[in-house]
Amino acid sequence: MRMLIMGPPGSGKGTQGKKVAVDFGIPVISTGAIFRANVANQTELGKVVSKIMEAGDLVPDTVTVQLVADRLAQSDTAPGFLLDGFPRTVAQAESLDQILDTLDVSLDAVVRLVVDAEVLVQRMLKRAEIEGRADDNEETIRRRFEVYLAETKPLLALYEERGILVEVDGMGTVEEVHDRILAALKK
């Protein structure tokens, strides 16, 4: 199974991604985790990423794409993978297509977790309170949600057009959502 999991901040995609990856015996590939691992291991790309992040800048697509390409070329991805956090734009999706073409594989499914905006705001506010995140106030959370929707709308349309978009109700317990994802993937 080669898949992508998508959802706005607070939708539970990280939690669900880990569970689904275990079900299929595939690695979760998170761009954030890739950045941290490359920086920690002081790889050439990690050194580049470290300098960019230290300057407070966003990692450019060219670097992100190279990191993902390197990770997808590793042997543990042969039986499949679950992407979390990449691609986020149509341009990144096109880069992913090129990477997958090189590996002679394609995405089997794109799971989109659908969660009510008000529920997301409450989840994020609770998480901010628990983790002491002062920057996660209601206004910031709502803005991040709006940006996410705007950025991913064309991406969702692209995957829907390809017939691989699977929308799953992300409301309910972790187990309920997990069961819905597995049922949707079996279809």
C-alpha atoms as a PDB file:
ATOM      1  CA  MET A   1       0.000   0.000   0.000  1.00  0.00           C
ATOM      2  CA  ARG A   2       1.360   3.372  -1.059  1.00  0.00           C
ATOM      3  CA  MET A   3      -0.719   6.162   0.350  1.00  0.00           C
ATOM      4  CA  LEU A   4      -0.973   9.720   1.512  1.00  0.00           C
ATOM      5  CA  ILE A   5      -2.959  10.888   4.549  1.00  0.00           C
ATOM      6  CA  MET A   6      -4.314  14.425   4.577  1.00  0.00           C
ATOM      7  CA  GLY A   7      -6.217  16.525   7.029  1.00  0.00           C
ATOM      8  CA  PRO A   8      -6.039  19.922   8.661  1.00  0.00           C
ATOM      9  CA  PRO A   9      -4.074  20.516  11.857  1.00  0.00           C
ATOM     10  CA  GLY A  10      -5.818  18.703  14.702  1.00  0.00           C
ATOM     11  CA  SER A  11      -7.604  16.189  12.456  1.00  0.00           C
ATOM     12  CA  GLY A  12      -5.716  13.230  13.913  1.00  0.00           C
ATOM     13  CA  LYS A  13      -3.779  12.370  10.762  1.00  0.00           C
ATOM     14  CA  GLY A  14      -0.552  11.722  12.680  1.00  0.00           C
ATOM     15  CA  THR A  15      -2.268   9.331  15.090  1.00  0.00           C
ATOM     16  CA  GLN A  16      -4.226   7.603  12.341  1.00  0.00           C
ATOM     17  CA  GLY A  17      -1.246   7.460  10.008  1.00  0.00           C
ATOM     18  CA  LYS A  18       0.809   5.560  12.574  1.00  0.00           C
ATOM     19  CA  LYS A  19      -2.015   3.060  13.190  1.00  0.00           C
ATOM     20  CA  VAL A  20      -2.706   2.466   9.497  1.00  0.00           C
ATOM     21  CA  ALA A  21       1.015   2.084   8.744  1.00  0.00           C
ATOM     22  CA  VAL A  22       1.224  -0.663  11.381  1.00  0.00           C
ATOM     23  CA  ASP A  23      -1.808  -2.393   9.836  1.00  0.00           C
ATOM     24  CA  PHE A  24      -0.095  -2.520   6.441  1.00  0.00           C
ATOM     25  CA  GLY A  25       3.457  -3.030   7.707  1.00  0.00           C
ATOM     26  CA  ILE A  26       4.725   0.114   5.990  1.00  0.00           C
ATOM     27  CA  PRO A  27       6.740   3.100   7.237  1.00  0.00           C
ATOM     28  CA  VAL A  28       5.208   6.497   7.924  1.00  0.00           C
ATOM     29  CA  ILE A  29       7.112   9.136   6.024  1.00  0.00           C
ATOM     30  CA  SER A  30       6.670  12.532   7.602  1.00  0.00           C
ATOM     31  CA  THR A  31       8.517  15.493   6.123  1.00  0.00           C
ATOM     32  CA  GLY A  32       8.977  16.926   9.610  1.00  0.00           C
ATOM     33  CA  ALA A  33      10.561  13.678  10.795  1.00  0.00           C
ATOM     34  CA  ILE A  34      12.752  13.563   7.670  1.00  0.00           C
ATOM     35  CA  PHE A  35      13.992  17.093   8.339  1.00  0.00           C
ATOM     36  CA  ARG A  36      14.787  16.262  11.970  1.00  0.00           C
ATOM     37  CA  ALA A  37      16.545  12.974  11.086  1.00  0.00           C
ATOM     38  CA  ASN A  38      18.710  14.565   8.396  1.00  0.00           C
ATOM     39  CA  VAL A  39      19.670  17.422  10.696  1.00  0.00           C
ATOM     40  CA  ALA A  40      20.446  15.014  13.565  1.00  0.00           C
ATOM     41  CA  ASN A  41      22.519  12.753  11.277  1.00  0.00           C
ATOM     42  CA  GLN A  42      24.290  15.780   9.779  1.00  0.00           C
ATOM     43  CA  THR A  43      23.731  14.596   6.212  1.00  0.00           C
ATOM     44  CA  GLU A  44      24.545  17.028   3.413  1.00  0.00           C
ATOM     45  CA  LEU A  45      20.847  17.806   2.987  1.00  0.00           C
ATOM     46  CA  GLY A  46      20.473  17.995   6.770  1.00  0.00           C
ATOM     47  CA  LYS A  47      23.160  20.675   6.914  1.00  0.00           C
ATOM     48  CA  VAL A  48      21.308  22.689   4.266  1.00  0.00           C
ATOM     49  CA  VAL A  49      17.983  22.279   6.100  1.00  0.00           C
ATOM     50  CA  SER A  50      19.567  23.222   9.424  1.00  0.00           C
ATOM     51  CA  LYS A  51      20.913  26.502   8.034  1.00  0.00           C
ATOM     52  CA  ILE A  52      17.538  27.347   6.476  1.00  0.00           C
ATOM     53  CA  MET A  53      15.636  26.583   9.675  1.00  0.00           C
ATOM     54  CA  GLU A  54      18.145  28.459  11.859  1.00  0.00           C
ATOM     55  CA  ALA A  55      17.562  31.521   9.675  1.00  0.00           C
ATOM     56  CA  GLY A  56      13.828  31.170  10.339  1.00  0.00           C
ATOM     57  CA  ASP A  57      13.035  30.506   6.692  1.00  0.00           C
ATOM     58  CA  LEU A  58      10.802  27.853   5.146  1.00  0.00           C
ATOM     59  CA  VAL A  59      12.520  24.901   3.521  1.00  0.00           C
ATOM     60  CA  PRO A  60      12.122  25.364  -0.252  1.00  0.00           C
ATOM     61  CA  ASP A  61      10.305  22.741  -2.323  1.00  0.00           C
ATOM     62  CA  THR A  62      13.523  21.721  -4.090  1.00  0.00           C
ATOM     63  CA  VAL A  63      15.076  20.643  -0.786  1.00  0.00           C
ATOM     64  CA  THR A  64      11.881  19.044   0.531  1.00  0.00           C
ATOM     65  CA  VAL A  65      11.426  17.074  -2.696  1.00  0.00           C
ATOM     66  CA  GLN A  66      15.036  15.852  -2.550  1.00  0.00           C
ATOM     67  CA  LEU A  67      14.598  14.725   1.065  1.00  0.00           C
ATOM     68  CA  VAL A  68      11.406  12.829   0.189  1.00  0.00           C
ATOM     69  CA  ALA A  69      13.035  11.288  -2.910  1.00  0.00           C
ATOM     70  CA  ASP A  70      15.974  10.065  -0.827  1.00  0.00           C
ATOM     71  CA  ARG A  71      13.633   8.616   1.800  1.00  0.00           C
ATOM     72  CA  LEU A  72      11.371   6.872  -0.723  1.00  0.00           C
ATOM     73  CA  ALA A  73      14.439   5.268  -2.334  1.00  0.00           C
ATOM     74  CA  GLN A  74      15.278   3.409   0.907  1.00  0.00           C
ATOM     75  CA  SER A  75      14.622  -0.340   0.977  1.00  0.00           C
ATOM     76  CA  ASP A  76      11.986  -0.299   3.748  1.00  0.00           C
ATOM     77  CA  THR A  77       9.564   1.457   1.387  1.00  0.00           C
ATOM     78  CA  ALA A  78       9.512  -1.457  -1.087  1.00  0.00           C
ATOM     79  CA  PRO A  79       6.271  -2.907   0.370  1.00  0.00           C
ATOM     80  CA  GLY A  80       4.741   0.569   0.543  1.00  0.00           C
ATOM     81  CA  PHE A  81       4.641   3.751   2.585  1.00  0.00           C
ATOM     82  CA  LEU A  82       2.320   6.291   4.141  1.00  0.00           C
ATOM     83  CA  LEU A  83       3.134   9.941   3.426  1.00  0.00           C
ATOM     84  CA  ASP A  84       2.184  12.526   6.056  1.00  0.00           C
ATOM     85  CA  GLY A  85       2.782  16.211   5.340  1.00  0.00           C
ATOM     86  CA  PHE A  86       3.811  15.861   1.715  1.00  0.00           C
ATOM     87  CA  PRO A  87       2.671  16.831  -0.827  1.00  0.00           C
ATOM     88  CA  ARG A  88       0.841  19.973   0.254  1.00  0.00           C
ATOM     89  CA  THR A  89       0.564  21.659  -3.133  1.00  0.00           C
ATOM     90  CA  VAL A  90      -0.059  20.613  -6.736  1.00  0.00           C
ATOM     91  CA  ALA A  91       3.566  21.478  -7.579  1.00  0.00           C
ATOM     92  CA  GLN A  92       4.756  19.130  -4.831  1.00  0.00           C
ATOM     93  CA  ALA A  93       2.313  16.458  -6.070  1.00  0.00           C
ATOM     94  CA  GLU A  94       3.833  16.742  -9.549  1.00  0.00           C
ATOM     95  CA  SER A  95       7.300  16.321  -8.030  1.00  0.00           C
ATOM     96  CA  LEU A  96       6.050  13.287  -6.116  1.00  0.00           C
ATOM     97  CA  ASP A  97       4.697  11.842  -9.381  1.00  0.00           C
ATOM     98  CA  GLN A  98       8.188  12.149 -10.897  1.00  0.00           C
ATOM     99  CA  ILE A  99       9.776  10.452  -7.876  1.00  0.00           C
ATOM    100  CA  LEU A 100       7.246   7.617  -7.998  1.00  0.00           C
ATOM    101  CA  ASP A 101       7.701   7.232 -11.781  1.00  0.00           C
ATOM    102  CA  THR A 102      11.444   6.825 -11.202  1.00  0.00           C
ATOM    103  CA  LEU A 103      10.678   4.100  -8.638  1.00  0.00           C
ATOM    104  CA  ASP A 104       8.079   2.550 -10.997  1.00  0.00           C
ATOM    105  CA  VAL A 105       5.281   2.792  -8.396  1.00  0.00           C
ATOM    106  CA  SER A 106       2.186   4.934  -7.885  1.00  0.00           C
ATOM    107  CA  LEU A 107      -0.096   6.039  -5.071  1.00  0.00           C
ATOM    108  CA  ASP A 108      -2.875   3.588  -4.254  1.00  0.00           C
ATOM    109  CA  ALA A 109      -4.943   5.954  -2.113  1.00  0.00           C
ATOM    110  CA  VAL A 110      -5.143   9.432  -0.639  1.00  0.00           C
ATOM    111  CA  VAL A 111      -7.061   9.416   2.640  1.00  0.00           C
ATOM    112  CA  ARG A 112      -8.623  12.730   3.602  1.00  0.00           C
ATOM    113  CA  LEU A 113      -9.823  13.055   7.186  1.00  0.00           C
ATOM    114  CA  VAL A 114     -12.880  15.302   7.291  1.00  0.00           C
ATOM    115  CA  VAL A 115     -13.460  17.022  10.625  1.00  0.00           C
ATOM    116  CA  ASP A 116     -15.815  19.869  11.537  1.00  0.00           C
ATOM    117  CA  ALA A 117     -13.941  23.178  11.818  1.00  0.00           C
ATOM    118  CA  GLU A 118     -15.342  23.966  15.268  1.00  0.00           C
ATOM    119  CA  VAL A 119     -14.226  20.572  16.579  1.00  0.00           C
ATOM    120  CA  LEU A 120     -10.744  21.201  15.170  1.00  0.00           C
ATOM    121  CA  VAL A 121     -10.535  24.573  16.874  1.00  0.00           C
ATOM    122  CA  GLN A 122     -11.513  23.040  20.225  1.00  0.00           C
ATOM    123  CA  ARG A 123      -9.043  20.155  19.798  1.00  0.00           C
ATOM    124  CA  MET A 124      -6.221  22.553  18.964  1.00  0.00           C
ATOM    125  CA  LEU A 125      -7.057  24.884  21.846  1.00  0.00           C
ATOM    126  CA  LYS A 126      -7.021  21.928  24.235  1.00  0.00           C
ATOM    127  CA  ARG A 127      -3.701  20.706  22.812  1.00  0.00           C
ATOM    128  CA  ALA A 128      -2.255  24.217  23.085  1.00  0.00           C
ATOM    129  CA  GLU A 129      -3.322  24.373  26.728  1.00  0.00           C
ATOM    130  CA  ILE A 130      -1.861  20.942  27.538  1.00  0.00           C
ATOM    131  CA  GLU A 131       1.404  21.602  25.694  1.00  0.00           C
ATOM    132  CA  GLY A 132       1.668  25.243  26.762  1.00  0.00           C
ATOM    133  CA  ARG A 133       1.674  26.605  23.211  1.00  0.00           C
ATOM    134  CA  ALA A 134       1.052  30.313  23.594  1.00  0.00           C
ATOM    135  CA  ASP A 135       1.066  30.834  19.816  1.00  0.00           C
ATOM    136  CA  ASP A 136      -1.902  28.492  19.345  1.00  0.00           C
ATOM    137  CA  ASN A 137      -4.697  30.898  20.120  1.00  0.00           C
ATOM    138  CA  GLU A 138      -8.118  30.704  18.491  1.00  0.00           C
ATOM    139  CA  GLU A 139      -7.359  33.319  15.839  1.00  0.00           C
ATOM    140  CA  THR A 140      -4.102  31.607  14.826  1.00  0.00           C
ATOM    141  CA  ILE A 141      -5.764  28.188  14.738  1.00  0.00           C
ATOM    142  CA  ARG A 142      -8.607  29.436  12.552  1.00  0.00           C
ATOM    143  CA  ARG A 143      -6.123  31.106  10.200  1.00  0.00           C
ATOM    144  CA  ARG A 144      -4.051  27.913   9.885  1.00  0.00           C
ATOM    145  CA  PHE A 145      -7.231  26.010   9.055  1.00  0.00           C
ATOM    146  CA  GLU A 146      -8.169  28.535   6.349  1.00  0.00           C
ATOM    147  CA  VAL A 147      -4.657  28.394   4.857  1.00  0.00           C
ATOM    148  CA  TYR A 148      -4.757  24.593   4.893  1.00  0.00           C
ATOM    149  CA  LEU A 149      -8.105  24.535   3.067  1.00  0.00           C
ATOM    150  CA  ALA A 150      -6.953  27.048   0.460  1.00  0.00           C
ATOM    151  CA  GLU A 151      -3.652  25.253  -0.185  1.00  0.00           C
ATOM    152  CA  THR A 152      -5.049  21.738  -0.338  1.00  0.00           C
ATOM    153  CA  LYS A 153      -8.265  22.336  -2.298  1.00  0.00           C
ATOM    154  CA  PRO A 154      -6.519  22.019  -5.708  1.00  0.00           C
ATOM    155  CA  LEU A 155      -4.559  19.008  -4.454  1.00  0.00           C
ATOM    156  CA  LEU A 156      -7.719  17.252  -3.314  1.00  0.00           C
ATOM    157  CA  ALA A 157      -9.319  17.968  -6.690  1.00  0.00           C
ATOM    158  CA  LEU A 158      -6.295  16.466  -8.444  1.00  0.00           C
ATOM    159  CA  TYR A 159      -6.463  13.223  -6.460  1.00  0.00           C
ATOM    160  CA  GLU A 160     -10.251  13.053  -6.805  1.00  0.00           C
ATOM    161  CA  GLU A 161      -9.871  13.389 -10.569  1.00  0.00           C
ATOM    162  CA  ARG A 162      -7.392  10.477 -10.491  1.00  0.00           C
ATOM    163  CA  GLY A 163      -9.937   8.390  -8.596  1.00  0.00           C
ATOM    164  CA  ILE A 164      -7.734   7.715  -5.562  1.00  0.00           C
ATOM    165  CA  LEU A 165      -9.193  10.191  -3.044  1.00  0.00           C
ATOM    166  CA  VAL A 166     -10.916   8.481  -0.114  1.00  0.00           C
ATOM    167  CA  GLU A 167     -12.791  10.788   2.257  1.00  0.00           C
ATOM    168  CA  VAL A 168     -13.236   9.518   5.800  1.00  0.00           C
ATOM    169  CA  ASP A 169     -15.260  11.033   8.629  1.00  0.00           C
ATOM    170  CA  GLY A 170     -12.606  12.027  11.174  1.00  0.00           C
ATOM    171  CA  MET A 171     -15.110  12.625  13.980  1.00  0.00           C
ATOM    172  CA  GLY A 172     -15.307  10.128  16.844  1.00  0.00           C
ATOM    173  CA  THR A 173     -12.888   8.043  18.841  1.00  0.00           C
ATOM    174  CA  VAL A 174      -9.465   7.079  17.537  1.00  0.00           C
ATOM    175  CA  GLU A 175     -10.702   3.500  17.052  1.00  0.00           C
ATOM    176  CA  GLU A 176     -13.895   4.551  15.249  1.00  0.00           C
ATOM    177  CA  VAL A 177     -11.943   6.697  12.790  1.00  0.00           C
ATOM    178  CA  HIS A 178      -9.330   3.959  12.362  1.00  0.00           C
ATOM    179  CA  ASP A 179     -12.042   1.408  11.541  1.00  0.00           C
ATOM    180  CA  ARG A 180     -13.578   3.810   8.994  1.00  0.00           C
ATOM    181  CA  ILE A 181     -10.205   4.308   7.297  1.00  0.00           C
ATOM    182  CA  LEU A 182      -9.608   0.566   6.983  1.00  0.00           C
ATOM    183  CA  ALA A 183     -13.137  -0.004   5.664  1.00  0.00           C
ATOM    184  CA  ALA A 184     -12.719   2.796   3.100  1.00  0.00           C
ATOM    185  CA  LEU A 185      -9.367   1.435   1.940  1.00  0.00           C
ATOM    186  CA  LYS A 186     -10.817  -2.044   1.440  1.00  0.00           C
ATOM    187  CA  LYS A 187     -13.367  -0.655  -1.049  1.00  0.00           C
END
